Structure formats: structure tokens, C-alpha cells
Amino acid sequence: MKKRRQDEDTSGKAKLLDLTRSNNIAISLKAFKDFSFKELADIIEFVDPLRQVQGERAQLVKDLLPTIAESSAIKEYSGDHSRLVPAELWFQYIVNIKRIDAKASA
């Protein structure tokens, strides 16, 4: 019998983020359901040149950023992407954006 990895829960999903944090990110991402993760990552990276994110949604963007520890966990993960929950998948799209904090605040 194979020993289950510590970063895996009983459903076989990767467990890179705290469950509560992961759920909060997933809930916040629902405010951006009209964008794919790639589109939203591009909006953040290029500081929303078309002003597609406005009002309250613009304030939510800062809540969608990974902490340093979360960024490290995402960068170190080399497993199957199908095992990631939505928050972890989202972080994979944005983890390599340079100066993301400043861009999200702009």
C-alpha cells in the first residue's frame, strides 16, 4: 500500500493552501467569473489598460494575491495540475508576475 503524501487530502487534491484561505480566494474569484484566470492575470500584469475591472471588484484584486509562503508553495509544486483547487490554480497564473502588489494597487 502506498503511503499518502502529507500535502494531499483524502480526495486526492493537493493541499498547498490553508483550507479557509483557499475557500476565501475561491469566493472572491467568483466576482471575476466573466474572466478566465489567464485574462484576469493579464489584466493585473498589464495594470488593466482597458479598465475592465472597476469599483468594488478593483478592491478585491488585492485579496487575490498570494503571500510569500503561498507563492513558495505554488512555485515548489511539481505535481499534477488536476489535483489543484481553484485558488491554487489561480496562484499558478499570477505567482510569477513581477511587482504584483504594486500593480494590483494601481
C-alpha atoms as a PDB file:
ATOM      1  CA  MET A   1       0.000   0.000   0.000  1.00  0.00           C
ATOM      2  CA  LYS A   2       1.354   3.422  -0.972  1.00  0.00           C
ATOM      3  CA  LYS A   3       1.853   5.989   1.713  1.00  0.00           C
ATOM      4  CA  ARG A   4      -0.215   9.117   1.136  1.00  0.00           C
ATOM      5  CA  ARG A   5       1.755  12.364   0.798  1.00  0.00           C
ATOM      6  CA  GLN A   6       1.314  14.911   3.575  1.00  0.00           C
ATOM      7  CA  ASP A   7       0.248  17.641   1.129  1.00  0.00           C
ATOM      8  CA  GLU A   8      -2.643  15.587  -0.183  1.00  0.00           C
ATOM      9  CA  ASP A   9      -6.102  15.391   1.339  1.00  0.00           C
ATOM     10  CA  THR A  10      -8.444  12.405   1.234  1.00  0.00           C
ATOM     11  CA  SER A  11      -9.968  13.492  -2.106  1.00  0.00           C
ATOM     12  CA  GLY A  12      -6.558  13.357  -3.775  1.00  0.00           C
ATOM     13  CA  LYS A  13      -6.393  17.135  -4.103  1.00  0.00           C
ATOM     14  CA  ALA A  14      -3.157  18.966  -3.429  1.00  0.00           C
ATOM     15  CA  LYS A  15      -3.251  20.829  -0.168  1.00  0.00           C
ATOM     16  CA  LEU A  16      -0.885  23.737  -0.747  1.00  0.00           C
ATOM     17  CA  LEU A  17      -3.031  26.402   0.911  1.00  0.00           C
ATOM     18  CA  ASP A  18      -4.894  26.638   4.177  1.00  0.00           C
ATOM     19  CA  LEU A  19      -8.461  25.430   3.604  1.00  0.00           C
ATOM     20  CA  THR A  20     -10.111  28.621   4.878  1.00  0.00           C
ATOM     21  CA  ARG A  21      -7.781  30.795   2.803  1.00  0.00           C
ATOM     22  CA  SER A  22      -8.401  28.634  -0.259  1.00  0.00           C
ATOM     23  CA  ASN A  23     -12.169  28.925   0.175  1.00  0.00           C
ATOM     24  CA  ASN A  24     -11.965  32.713   0.624  1.00  0.00           C
ATOM     25  CA  ILE A  25      -9.917  33.055  -2.569  1.00  0.00           C
ATOM     26  CA  ALA A  26     -12.420  30.878  -4.451  1.00  0.00           C
ATOM     27  CA  ILE A  27     -15.312  33.027  -3.231  1.00  0.00           C
ATOM     28  CA  SER A  28     -13.527  36.237  -4.229  1.00  0.00           C
ATOM     29  CA  LEU A  29     -12.710  34.798  -7.651  1.00  0.00           C
ATOM     30  CA  LYS A  30     -16.444  34.426  -8.305  1.00  0.00           C
ATOM     31  CA  ALA A  31     -16.617  38.232  -8.590  1.00  0.00           C
ATOM     32  CA  PHE A  32     -14.460  37.809 -11.709  1.00  0.00           C
ATOM     33  CA  LYS A  33     -16.329  34.912 -13.302  1.00  0.00           C
ATOM     34  CA  ASP A  34     -16.572  36.830 -16.592  1.00  0.00           C
ATOM     35  CA  PHE A  35     -12.765  36.457 -16.974  1.00  0.00           C
ATOM     36  CA  SER A  36     -10.651  33.347 -17.348  1.00  0.00           C
ATOM     37  CA  PHE A  37      -7.724  33.053 -14.936  1.00  0.00           C
ATOM     38  CA  LYS A  38      -5.402  33.943 -17.832  1.00  0.00           C
ATOM     39  CA  GLU A  39      -7.414  37.053 -18.732  1.00  0.00           C
ATOM     40  CA  LEU A  40      -7.531  38.225 -15.118  1.00  0.00           C
ATOM     41  CA  ALA A  41      -3.796  37.586 -14.688  1.00  0.00           C
ATOM     42  CA  ASP A  42      -3.116  39.659 -17.825  1.00  0.00           C
ATOM     43  CA  ILE A  43      -5.324  42.466 -16.512  1.00  0.00           C
ATOM     44  CA  ILE A  44      -3.259  42.557 -13.317  1.00  0.00           C
ATOM     45  CA  GLU A  45       0.094  42.192 -15.078  1.00  0.00           C
ATOM     46  CA  PHE A  46      -0.594  44.979 -17.559  1.00  0.00           C
ATOM     47  CA  VAL A  47      -2.375  47.198 -14.976  1.00  0.00           C
ATOM     48  CA  ASP A  48      -5.799  46.927 -16.652  1.00  0.00           C
ATOM     49  CA  PRO A  49      -5.181  49.103 -19.734  1.00  0.00           C
ATOM     50  CA  LEU A  50      -8.803  48.733 -20.884  1.00  0.00           C
ATOM     51  CA  ARG A  51     -10.186  49.490 -17.392  1.00  0.00           C
ATOM     52  CA  GLN A  52     -12.154  46.240 -17.301  1.00  0.00           C
ATOM     53  CA  VAL A  53     -12.074  45.943 -13.509  1.00  0.00           C
ATOM     54  CA  GLN A  54     -13.656  48.860 -11.696  1.00  0.00           C
ATOM     55  CA  GLY A  55     -15.413  49.720  -8.451  1.00  0.00           C
ATOM     56  CA  GLU A  56     -15.628  47.114  -5.729  1.00  0.00           C
ATOM     57  CA  ARG A  57     -14.068  44.463  -7.921  1.00  0.00           C
ATOM     58  CA  ALA A  58     -10.888  46.536  -8.196  1.00  0.00           C
ATOM     59  CA  GLN A  59     -10.650  46.484  -4.385  1.00  0.00           C
ATOM     60  CA  LEU A  60     -10.963  42.671  -4.376  1.00  0.00           C
ATOM     61  CA  VAL A  61      -7.889  42.196  -6.551  1.00  0.00           C
ATOM     62  CA  LYS A  62      -5.541  42.787  -3.605  1.00  0.00           C
ATOM     63  CA  ASP A  63      -7.290  39.976  -1.711  1.00  0.00           C
ATOM     64  CA  LEU A  64      -6.485  37.569  -4.549  1.00  0.00           C
ATOM     65  CA  LEU A  65      -2.706  37.814  -4.167  1.00  0.00           C
ATOM     66  CA  PRO A  66      -0.602  35.076  -2.598  1.00  0.00           C
ATOM     67  CA  THR A  67       1.503  35.598   0.490  1.00  0.00           C
ATOM     68  CA  ILE A  68       5.230  34.902   0.300  1.00  0.00           C
ATOM     69  CA  ALA A  69       4.724  31.454   1.837  1.00  0.00           C
ATOM     70  CA  GLU A  70       1.875  30.661  -0.563  1.00  0.00           C
ATOM     71  CA  SER A  71       3.982  31.802  -3.526  1.00  0.00           C
ATOM     72  CA  SER A  72       6.785  29.499  -2.429  1.00  0.00           C
ATOM     73  CA  ALA A  73       4.425  26.538  -2.051  1.00  0.00           C
ATOM     74  CA  ILE A  74       2.955  27.129  -5.515  1.00  0.00           C
ATOM     75  CA  LYS A  75       6.375  27.520  -7.149  1.00  0.00           C
ATOM     76  CA  GLU A  76       7.656  24.333  -5.493  1.00  0.00           C
ATOM     77  CA  TYR A  77       4.662  22.235  -6.536  1.00  0.00           C
ATOM     78  CA  SER A  78       5.506  19.897  -9.388  1.00  0.00           C
ATOM     79  CA  GLY A  79       2.529  17.563  -9.216  1.00  0.00           C
ATOM     80  CA  ASP A  80      -0.472  17.116 -11.470  1.00  0.00           C
ATOM     81  CA  HIS A  81      -2.410  20.340 -12.100  1.00  0.00           C
ATOM     82  CA  SER A  82      -5.697  18.435 -11.969  1.00  0.00           C
ATOM     83  CA  ARG A  83      -5.096  17.988  -8.227  1.00  0.00           C
ATOM     84  CA  LEU A  84      -5.141  21.737  -7.586  1.00  0.00           C
ATOM     85  CA  VAL A  85      -8.169  23.566  -6.214  1.00  0.00           C
ATOM     86  CA  PRO A  86      -9.268  26.832  -7.917  1.00  0.00           C
ATOM     87  CA  ALA A  87      -7.268  29.097  -5.577  1.00  0.00           C
ATOM     88  CA  GLU A  88      -4.095  27.122  -6.215  1.00  0.00           C
ATOM     89  CA  LEU A  89      -4.684  27.169  -9.966  1.00  0.00           C
ATOM     90  CA  TRP A  90      -5.239  30.932  -9.799  1.00  0.00           C
ATOM     91  CA  PHE A  91      -1.999  31.431  -7.888  1.00  0.00           C
ATOM     92  CA  GLN A  92      -0.141  29.474 -10.563  1.00  0.00           C
ATOM     93  CA  TYR A  93      -1.244  32.071 -13.094  1.00  0.00           C
ATOM     94  CA  ILE A  94      -0.053  35.047 -11.055  1.00  0.00           C
ATOM     95  CA  VAL A  95       2.854  33.801  -8.965  1.00  0.00           C
ATOM     96  CA  ASN A  96       5.486  34.947 -11.476  1.00  0.00           C
ATOM     97  CA  ILE A  97       4.093  38.423 -12.151  1.00  0.00           C
ATOM     98  CA  LYS A  98       6.785  40.890 -11.135  1.00  0.00           C
ATOM     99  CA  ARG A  99       5.792  43.667  -8.691  1.00  0.00           C
ATOM    100  CA  ILE A 100       2.297  42.218  -8.443  1.00  0.00           C
ATOM    101  CA  ASP A 101       1.481  44.064  -5.199  1.00  0.00           C
ATOM    102  CA  ALA A 102       2.154  47.442  -6.797  1.00  0.00           C
ATOM    103  CA  LYS A 103       0.268  46.505  -9.957  1.00  0.00           C
ATOM    104  CA  ALA A 104      -2.760  45.278  -8.021  1.00  0.00           C
ATOM    105  CA  SER A 105      -2.819  48.505  -6.017  1.00  0.00           C
ATOM    106  CA  ALA A 106      -2.666  50.722  -9.104  1.00  0.00           C
END
